[in-house]
Amino acid sequence: MSGRLSVNVFGPTVARPVPRAEVRIFEQQVDGHAGNLIDELFTDSSGTSEEISLACPPWEFSQGTDFPKPYSEYVVRASAYGFETVEISGVEIFDETHAIQNIFMPYSVGMEEKDVDIGPHTLWKEYPPKIPEDAVKELPEETGFIVLPSPVVPEFIVVHYGDPNWAGAPQYWVPFADYIKNVASSEIYATWPTETIRANVLAILSFTLNRVFTEWYRGKGKNFTITSSTQYDQAFFYQRNIFENISNIVDEIFTTYITKPGIRQPLFAQYCDGNRVHCPGWMSQWGSRGLGEQGYSAFEILRHYYGNDIYLAQAVRVAGVPSSFPGYVLNVGATGGNVLTIQEQINAISNNFPAIAKVIDDGIYGPQTQASVRKFQQVFNMPQSGAVDFATWYRISDIFVAVTRMAELF
């Protein structure tokens, strides 16, 4: 049995791909340290390694609670001149899935090394269960910490890496969609039915946007959005690998959340594994797998757990992007200002990612623009349609913003 792994190596941000980085993949020993060397790869001009196959347990192990561990763990080490060497242990590989390991390397003038240990998956290891909270929060007065009239997708989530009362915990500024991908890859198995994954992603989105909208922790005098503690929030592991199918689903729906009639806020959609912990009124993760296997849609799964009165809504805007998705797919033959926006952004991105060819910025979506969009999609592990749909529009926007910010610093 085998799964696939590709590694993307960046500098401190996604705007700085690291070409010719050495990527070494090792077996992981029981103590978490690197064992035998399996393969040695080098990144291309986009900072991306060749995709390789790695041994892992069979797919069936991830479909029930009575099987052995359903994934293998590996150690990935990246090194390049001018950067700290980064070694990540606990990289998870599932059968018939594509794992993506993004590695961010701080600049260095010496031989510094940074070790990152990814914790076990929450469905495998027993973590402290969630402390129940009201699904709908009582909102403060308008003069309080609430500053949004309706839900907005933030540019970043500030993750407090530990218990909310631990003042010394590190904090990470994580792009919103990347945070959701990390949590979903930590909380559910990528081998589960697509509609099950979609339902769980929607619950994670709603949970997170409730924290954002209600300013839950800032209202308590804290300086972060959410924690990595499963007792209070959702599992998040710094620099963990994600999975391509989960990533694509998040890109498609990251502005969508669950809500109910008569409330302004996203539903605080709590959930548990449904095996070690039972949680009436919340979503059971293992139960949602069973419903997906029976052919339930994501919305039907959500209604099964959160009630027939729920519905899905869209956040009014995405913070930090130059312009919002126009509401229709851009493809060959399209013309106008939205096409020009994409062309200008692709050309700016090409300065840092030369494999993505520059295009003539004439507002006409021709074969040249289609080819560059398709290459962008390939570089960033997206479906390679060559068209700018909702997911591609916002991914291009994200990378454009990162690249232009980096240019402003130098």
Protein backbone atom coordinates (compact mmCIF):
# COMPACT_ATOMS: atom_id res chain seq x y z
CA MET A 1 0.00 0.00 0.00
CA SER A 2 1.26 3.52 -0.71
CA GLY A 3 0.44 7.20 -0.57
CA ARG A 4 2.06 10.12 -2.35
CA LEU A 5 4.08 13.01 -0.95
CA SER A 6 5.28 16.26 -2.47
CA VAL A 7 7.23 18.93 -0.61
CA ASN A 8 7.06 22.69 -1.17
CA VAL A 9 9.93 24.69 0.32
CA PHE A 10 9.56 28.40 0.97
CA GLY A 11 11.49 31.06 2.82
CA PRO A 12 9.70 32.82 5.68
CA THR A 13 6.54 33.23 3.54
CA VAL A 14 4.86 31.58 0.56
CA ALA A 15 6.08 34.52 -1.57
CA ARG A 16 9.66 33.20 -1.44
CA PRO A 17 10.02 29.76 -3.05
CA VAL A 18 13.40 28.15 -2.45
CA PRO A 19 14.81 26.51 -5.60
CA ARG A 20 17.45 23.76 -5.38
CA ALA A 21 16.64 23.08 -1.74
CA GLU A 22 17.75 19.62 -0.68
CA VAL A 23 14.82 17.55 0.62
CA ARG A 24 15.66 14.31 2.42
CA ILE A 25 12.97 11.84 3.48
CA PHE A 26 13.61 9.33 6.26
CA GLU A 27 11.80 6.51 7.94
CA GLN A 28 10.59 7.62 11.36
CA GLN A 29 11.76 5.60 14.34
CA VAL A 30 9.56 4.79 17.34
CA ASP A 31 11.19 7.63 19.31
CA GLY A 32 10.29 10.10 16.52
CA HIS A 33 13.83 10.52 15.24
CA ALA A 34 15.00 10.03 11.66
CA GLY A 35 15.87 6.48 10.68
CA ASN A 36 16.98 5.14 7.31
CA LEU A 37 17.20 7.58 4.41
CA ILE A 38 14.52 6.76 1.82
CA ASP A 39 15.04 9.40 -0.84
CA GLU A 40 16.84 12.65 -1.60
CA LEU A 41 15.14 15.25 -3.81
CA PHE A 42 15.76 18.81 -4.99
CA THR A 43 13.18 21.53 -5.48
CA ASP A 44 12.49 23.24 -8.80
CA SER A 45 12.21 26.99 -9.48
CA SER A 46 8.84 27.03 -7.68
CA GLY A 47 10.30 25.41 -4.56
CA THR A 48 8.48 22.14 -5.30
CA SER A 49 9.93 18.66 -5.11
CA GLU A 50 9.14 15.71 -7.30
CA GLU A 51 6.17 13.66 -6.05
CA ILE A 52 7.15 10.29 -4.56
CA SER A 53 5.31 7.20 -3.29
CA LEU A 54 5.75 6.04 0.30
CA ALA A 55 4.63 2.86 2.02
CA CYS A 56 1.70 3.04 4.43
CA PRO A 57 -1.06 0.83 5.93
CA PRO A 58 -4.05 -0.16 3.77
CA TRP A 59 -6.94 2.23 3.11
CA GLU A 60 -9.35 0.05 5.11
CA PHE A 61 -7.54 0.86 8.37
CA SER A 62 -8.87 4.44 8.18
CA GLN A 63 -12.49 3.37 7.74
CA GLY A 64 -13.18 1.98 11.21
CA THR A 65 -12.21 2.39 14.85
CA ASP A 66 -10.96 -1.14 15.54
CA PHE A 67 -7.99 -1.19 13.16
CA PRO A 68 -4.29 -0.45 13.79
CA LYS A 69 -2.90 3.02 13.06
CA PRO A 70 -4.08 3.90 9.54
CA TYR A 71 -1.13 6.03 8.49
CA SER A 72 2.66 5.91 8.34
CA GLU A 73 4.89 8.66 9.70
CA TYR A 74 8.04 10.00 8.08
CA VAL A 75 10.70 12.60 8.78
CA VAL A 76 11.28 15.30 6.15
CA ARG A 77 14.38 17.52 6.28
CA ALA A 78 14.91 20.56 4.02
CA SER A 79 18.13 22.53 3.73
CA ALA A 80 19.36 25.33 1.48
CA TYR A 81 22.14 27.91 1.53
CA GLY A 82 21.12 31.03 3.45
CA PHE A 83 18.27 29.34 5.34
CA GLU A 84 17.88 27.40 8.56
CA THR A 85 17.64 23.66 8.03
CA VAL A 86 14.13 22.52 9.00
CA GLU A 87 13.33 18.96 10.05
CA ILE A 88 9.71 17.91 10.43
CA SER A 89 8.78 14.62 12.08
CA GLY A 90 5.33 13.04 12.13
CA VAL A 91 4.55 13.62 8.44
CA GLU A 92 1.44 11.48 7.83
CA ILE A 93 0.95 9.31 4.75
CA PHE A 94 -2.38 7.57 4.04
CA ASP A 95 -3.09 4.98 1.38
CA GLU A 96 -4.32 6.38 -1.97
CA THR A 97 -3.91 10.02 -0.92
CA HIS A 98 -1.61 12.89 -1.87
CA ALA A 99 0.07 14.55 1.12
CA ILE A 100 1.52 18.04 0.71
CA GLN A 101 4.26 19.16 3.08
CA ASN A 102 4.86 22.91 3.04
CA ILE A 103 8.10 23.85 4.77
CA PHE A 104 8.87 27.45 5.76
CA MET A 105 12.56 28.16 6.35
CA PRO A 106 13.79 31.22 8.28
CA TYR A 107 16.75 33.10 6.83
CA SER A 108 20.08 32.18 8.43
CA VAL A 109 23.74 33.19 8.27
CA GLY A 110 25.02 30.10 10.05
CA MET A 111 24.17 26.43 10.44
CA GLU A 112 21.02 26.77 12.56
CA GLU A 113 18.50 23.93 12.55
CA LYS A 114 14.83 24.01 13.47
CA ASP A 115 13.02 20.84 14.52
CA VAL A 116 9.23 20.55 14.25
CA ASP A 117 7.35 17.59 15.73
CA ILE A 118 3.80 17.06 14.44
CA GLY A 119 1.50 15.51 17.02
CA PRO A 120 -0.52 12.35 16.31
CA HIS A 121 -3.83 12.66 14.49
CA THR A 122 -6.75 13.41 16.82
CA LEU A 123 -8.70 10.35 15.63
CA TRP A 124 -5.78 8.13 16.62
CA LYS A 125 -4.50 9.59 19.87
CA GLU A 126 -6.83 10.55 22.71
CA TYR A 127 -6.72 14.30 23.31
CA PRO A 128 -8.62 16.22 26.01
CA PRO A 129 -12.30 16.48 24.93
CA LYS A 130 -13.95 19.80 24.09
CA ILE A 131 -15.44 21.76 26.96
CA PRO A 132 -19.07 22.42 25.86
CA GLU A 133 -20.13 25.96 25.01
CA ASP A 134 -23.38 27.51 23.79
CA ALA A 135 -23.84 26.99 20.06
CA VAL A 136 -25.11 30.59 19.78
CA LYS A 137 -23.19 33.16 21.78
CA GLU A 138 -24.69 36.13 23.58
CA LEU A 139 -23.23 39.10 21.76
CA PRO A 140 -21.82 42.14 23.58
CA GLU A 141 -23.22 45.62 23.04
CA GLU A 142 -22.22 47.31 19.79
CA THR A 143 -19.82 49.50 21.78
CA GLY A 144 -17.97 46.40 22.99
CA PHE A 145 -15.55 44.16 21.15
CA ILE A 146 -17.89 43.31 18.26
CA VAL A 147 -16.82 45.44 15.30
CA LEU A 148 -18.38 43.53 12.39
CA PRO A 149 -22.02 43.95 11.29
CA SER A 150 -21.86 40.55 9.56
CA PRO A 151 -19.30 37.72 9.22
CA VAL A 152 -16.12 38.51 7.29
CA VAL A 153 -13.38 36.03 6.41
CA PRO A 154 -10.22 37.42 8.02
CA GLU A 155 -6.90 37.50 6.24
CA PHE A 156 -5.13 35.77 9.14
CA ILE A 157 -6.01 33.66 12.17
CA VAL A 158 -3.80 34.29 15.21
CA VAL A 159 -3.35 30.85 16.78
CA HIS A 160 -2.30 30.63 20.45
CA TYR A 161 -0.31 27.39 20.53
CA GLY A 162 -1.64 25.87 23.73
CA ASP A 163 -4.09 26.46 26.56
CA PRO A 164 -5.61 29.98 26.44
CA ASN A 165 -4.36 30.67 29.97
CA TRP A 166 -0.73 29.79 29.18
CA ALA A 167 0.84 33.22 28.77
CA GLY A 168 4.11 31.80 27.39
CA ALA A 169 2.60 29.88 24.47
CA PRO A 170 3.94 30.81 21.02
CA GLN A 171 1.52 32.43 18.61
CA TYR A 172 1.32 32.01 14.84
CA TRP A 173 -0.27 34.26 12.23
CA VAL A 174 -1.78 31.77 9.77
CA PRO A 175 -3.63 32.64 6.53
CA PHE A 176 -7.30 31.80 7.10
CA ALA A 177 -7.69 29.05 4.47
CA ASP A 178 -4.35 27.50 5.49
CA TYR A 179 -5.58 27.34 9.09
CA ILE A 180 -8.77 25.51 8.02
CA LYS A 181 -6.76 23.03 5.91
CA ASN A 182 -4.45 22.34 8.84
CA VAL A 183 -7.34 21.71 11.27
CA ALA A 184 -9.26 19.52 8.83
CA SER A 185 -6.14 17.45 8.08
CA SER A 186 -5.62 17.05 11.85
CA GLU A 187 -9.24 16.24 12.78
CA ILE A 188 -10.54 13.91 10.03
CA TYR A 189 -9.06 11.34 7.66
CA ALA A 190 -8.44 12.37 4.05
CA THR A 191 -9.59 8.89 2.95
CA TRP A 192 -13.18 9.52 4.04
CA PRO A 193 -16.06 10.18 1.59
CA THR A 194 -15.95 13.58 -0.11
CA GLU A 195 -19.30 14.70 1.32
CA THR A 196 -18.16 13.71 4.83
CA ILE A 197 -15.03 15.82 4.40
CA ARG A 198 -17.12 18.71 3.07
CA ALA A 199 -19.49 18.54 6.06
CA ASN A 200 -16.62 18.52 8.53
CA VAL A 201 -14.89 21.43 6.78
CA LEU A 202 -18.13 23.44 7.01
CA ALA A 203 -18.33 22.71 10.74
CA ILE A 204 -14.69 23.78 11.19
CA LEU A 205 -15.34 26.95 9.17
CA SER A 206 -18.41 27.83 11.24
CA PHE A 207 -16.63 27.13 14.52
CA THR A 208 -13.71 29.35 13.47
CA LEU A 209 -15.81 32.20 12.08
CA ASN A 210 -17.85 32.22 15.29
CA ARG A 211 -14.63 32.82 17.22
CA VAL A 212 -13.74 35.59 14.75
CA PHE A 213 -17.17 37.25 14.71
CA THR A 214 -17.73 37.23 18.45
CA GLU A 215 -14.13 38.29 19.20
CA TRP A 216 -14.34 35.54 21.82
CA TYR A 217 -10.81 35.70 23.18
CA ARG A 218 -10.16 39.38 22.55
CA GLY A 219 -13.30 40.09 24.53
CA LYS A 220 -11.58 38.32 27.43
CA GLY A 221 -8.49 40.50 27.13
CA LYS A 222 -6.45 38.04 25.03
CA ASN A 223 -4.45 38.96 21.94
CA PHE A 224 -5.30 36.00 19.71
CA THR A 225 -8.20 34.59 17.68
CA ILE A 226 -8.20 30.92 18.66
CA THR A 227 -6.11 28.26 20.41
CA SER A 228 -4.70 24.89 19.36
CA SER A 229 -6.18 23.22 22.47
CA THR A 230 -8.82 20.57 21.76
CA GLN A 231 -10.39 21.38 25.15
CA TYR A 232 -11.25 24.89 23.99
CA ASP A 233 -11.00 24.93 20.22
CA GLN A 234 -9.64 22.73 17.42
CA ALA A 235 -6.43 20.82 16.82
CA PHE A 236 -3.78 22.79 14.94
CA PHE A 237 -0.19 21.61 14.43
CA TYR A 238 2.40 24.11 13.26
CA GLN A 239 3.83 23.15 9.83
CA ARG A 240 1.91 19.85 9.62
CA ASN A 241 1.31 18.32 6.21
CA ILE A 242 -2.11 18.72 4.58
CA PHE A 243 -3.90 16.61 1.97
CA GLU A 244 -4.68 17.64 -1.58
CA ASN A 245 -8.36 16.61 -1.55
CA ILE A 246 -9.00 18.44 1.75
CA SER A 247 -7.13 21.49 0.43
CA ASN A 248 -9.25 21.63 -2.72
CA ILE A 249 -12.52 21.39 -0.76
CA VAL A 250 -11.44 24.22 1.55
CA ASP A 251 -10.55 26.39 -1.46
CA GLU A 252 -14.03 25.80 -2.90
CA ILE A 253 -16.05 26.72 0.22
CA PHE A 254 -13.88 28.75 2.61
CA THR A 255 -16.35 31.66 2.73
CA THR A 256 -19.34 29.41 3.61
CA TYR A 257 -20.61 28.77 7.13
CA ILE A 258 -23.55 27.21 9.00
CA THR A 259 -26.13 29.42 10.66
CA LYS A 260 -29.76 29.47 11.82
CA PRO A 261 -32.72 31.83 11.31
CA GLY A 262 -32.70 34.83 13.59
CA ILE A 263 -29.01 34.87 14.53
CA ARG A 264 -26.28 37.14 13.17
CA GLN A 265 -23.38 34.82 13.86
CA PRO A 266 -21.98 31.63 12.36
CA LEU A 267 -23.12 28.63 14.38
CA PHE A 268 -20.57 27.48 16.94
CA ALA A 269 -20.56 24.01 15.36
CA GLN A 270 -19.04 21.73 17.99
CA TYR A 271 -18.14 18.13 17.24
CA CYS A 272 -16.40 15.09 18.74
CA ASP A 273 -14.99 11.83 17.44
CA GLY A 274 -18.16 9.87 18.31
CA ASN A 275 -16.14 6.84 19.41
CA ARG A 276 -14.11 7.60 22.53
CA VAL A 277 -16.29 10.65 23.24
CA HIS A 278 -20.06 10.91 22.65
CA CYS A 279 -21.66 14.31 22.25
CA PRO A 280 -25.46 14.52 21.70
CA GLY A 281 -26.38 17.62 19.72
CA TRP A 282 -22.91 17.87 18.19
CA MET A 283 -21.56 16.24 15.04
CA SER A 284 -19.92 12.84 15.45
CA GLN A 285 -16.90 12.63 13.17
CA TRP A 286 -17.07 8.85 12.84
CA GLY A 287 -20.84 9.07 12.50
CA SER A 288 -20.45 11.56 9.66
CA ARG A 289 -18.16 9.08 7.90
CA GLY A 290 -20.90 6.47 8.07
CA LEU A 291 -23.52 8.88 6.72
CA GLY A 292 -21.24 9.89 3.86
CA GLU A 293 -20.72 6.23 3.06
CA GLN A 294 -24.52 5.83 2.89
CA GLY A 295 -24.75 8.59 0.27
CA TYR A 296 -25.79 11.54 2.45
CA SER A 297 -24.83 14.97 1.09
CA ALA A 298 -22.77 17.33 3.23
CA PHE A 299 -25.86 19.42 3.99
CA GLU A 300 -27.86 16.34 4.95
CA ILE A 301 -25.07 15.27 7.30
CA LEU A 302 -25.04 18.70 8.93
CA ARG A 303 -28.83 18.75 9.35
CA HIS A 304 -28.71 15.29 10.88
CA TYR A 305 -26.56 16.66 13.70
CA TYR A 306 -27.31 20.37 14.02
CA GLY A 307 -31.04 20.42 13.18
CA ASN A 308 -33.32 20.88 10.20
CA ASP A 309 -33.44 24.66 10.67
CA ILE A 310 -29.78 25.25 9.77
CA TYR A 311 -28.80 26.78 6.45
CA LEU A 312 -25.57 27.77 4.73
CA ALA A 313 -24.57 31.41 4.30
CA GLN A 314 -21.67 33.29 2.72
CA ALA A 315 -19.37 35.74 4.46
CA VAL A 316 -19.84 39.21 3.02
CA ARG A 317 -16.21 39.63 2.00
CA VAL A 318 -12.68 38.26 2.28
CA ALA A 319 -10.33 40.64 4.07
CA GLY A 320 -6.96 41.47 2.55
CA VAL A 321 -7.71 40.65 -1.11
CA PRO A 322 -7.55 43.36 -3.83
CA SER A 323 -10.98 42.52 -5.25
CA SER A 324 -13.72 39.94 -4.72
CA PHE A 325 -14.56 37.07 -7.05
CA PRO A 326 -16.81 38.43 -9.84
CA GLY A 327 -19.34 35.63 -9.48
CA TYR A 328 -18.60 33.81 -12.73
CA VAL A 329 -15.76 31.65 -14.06
CA LEU A 330 -13.17 33.34 -16.31
CA ASN A 331 -12.11 31.23 -19.26
CA VAL A 332 -10.94 31.55 -22.86
CA GLY A 333 -13.04 34.20 -24.61
CA ALA A 334 -13.70 36.31 -21.51
CA THR A 335 -12.76 39.99 -21.63
CA GLY A 336 -12.81 43.03 -19.38
CA GLY A 337 -11.50 44.36 -16.10
CA ASN A 338 -11.66 41.08 -14.19
CA VAL A 339 -9.47 39.37 -16.79
CA LEU A 340 -7.05 42.30 -16.62
CA THR A 341 -6.89 41.95 -12.83
CA ILE A 342 -5.92 38.28 -13.12
CA GLN A 343 -3.33 39.02 -15.82
CA GLU A 344 -1.68 41.74 -13.73
CA GLN A 345 -1.61 39.52 -10.67
CA ILE A 346 -0.20 36.54 -12.61
CA ASN A 347 2.59 38.78 -13.97
CA ALA A 348 3.49 39.96 -10.45
CA ILE A 349 3.51 36.37 -9.16
CA SER A 350 5.73 35.33 -12.08
CA ASN A 351 8.52 37.53 -10.70
CA ASN A 352 8.88 35.07 -7.81
CA PHE A 353 7.64 31.93 -9.58
CA PRO A 354 9.32 32.03 -13.03
CA ALA A 355 7.75 28.72 -14.13
CA ILE A 356 4.50 30.70 -14.44
CA ALA A 357 4.93 32.56 -17.73
CA LYS A 358 4.09 36.24 -17.95
CA VAL A 359 1.11 37.20 -20.12
CA ILE A 360 0.09 40.24 -22.16
CA ASP A 361 -2.16 42.27 -19.86
CA ASP A 362 -4.75 43.23 -22.45
CA GLY A 363 -7.96 42.15 -20.68
CA ILE A 364 -8.48 39.27 -23.14
CA TYR A 365 -8.50 35.72 -21.78
CA GLY A 366 -6.69 33.86 -24.54
CA PRO A 367 -4.66 30.64 -24.71
CA GLN A 368 -1.59 32.36 -23.19
CA THR A 369 -3.52 33.42 -20.09
CA GLN A 370 -5.13 29.99 -19.87
CA ALA A 371 -1.68 28.30 -19.97
CA SER A 372 -0.31 30.56 -17.21
CA VAL A 373 -3.35 30.00 -15.03
CA ARG A 374 -3.02 26.25 -15.53
CA LYS A 375 0.66 26.41 -14.53
CA PHE A 376 -0.28 28.44 -11.44
CA GLN A 377 -2.79 25.74 -10.52
CA GLN A 378 -0.15 23.05 -10.96
CA VAL A 379 2.41 24.90 -8.82
CA PHE A 380 -0.12 25.37 -6.01
CA ASN A 381 -1.60 21.85 -6.11
CA MET A 382 -5.00 22.81 -7.51
CA PRO A 383 -7.16 21.14 -10.19
CA GLN A 384 -5.59 22.20 -13.50
CA SER A 385 -8.57 23.50 -15.46
CA GLY A 386 -6.89 26.61 -16.86
CA ALA A 387 -10.00 28.58 -15.83
CA VAL A 388 -10.29 31.06 -12.98
CA ASP A 389 -13.06 29.78 -10.73
CA PHE A 390 -13.83 30.88 -7.17
CA ALA A 391 -10.98 28.84 -5.66
CA THR A 392 -8.38 29.93 -8.22
CA TRP A 393 -9.38 33.61 -8.02
CA TYR A 394 -8.75 33.73 -4.30
CA ARG A 395 -5.58 31.63 -4.40
CA ILE A 396 -4.13 33.96 -7.05
CA SER A 397 -5.17 36.91 -4.87
CA ASP A 398 -3.48 35.40 -1.81
CA ILE A 399 -0.18 34.76 -3.58
CA PHE A 400 -0.29 38.17 -5.30
CA VAL A 401 -0.73 39.92 -1.94
CA ALA A 402 2.14 37.90 -0.43
CA VAL A 403 4.45 38.65 -3.37
CA THR A 404 3.70 42.39 -3.43
CA ARG A 405 4.16 42.66 0.33
CA MET A 406 7.53 40.97 0.03
CA ALA A 407 8.53 43.37 -2.77
CA GLU A 408 7.66 46.31 -0.52
CA LEU A 409 10.12 45.05 2.11
CA PHE A 410 13.12 45.00 -0.23
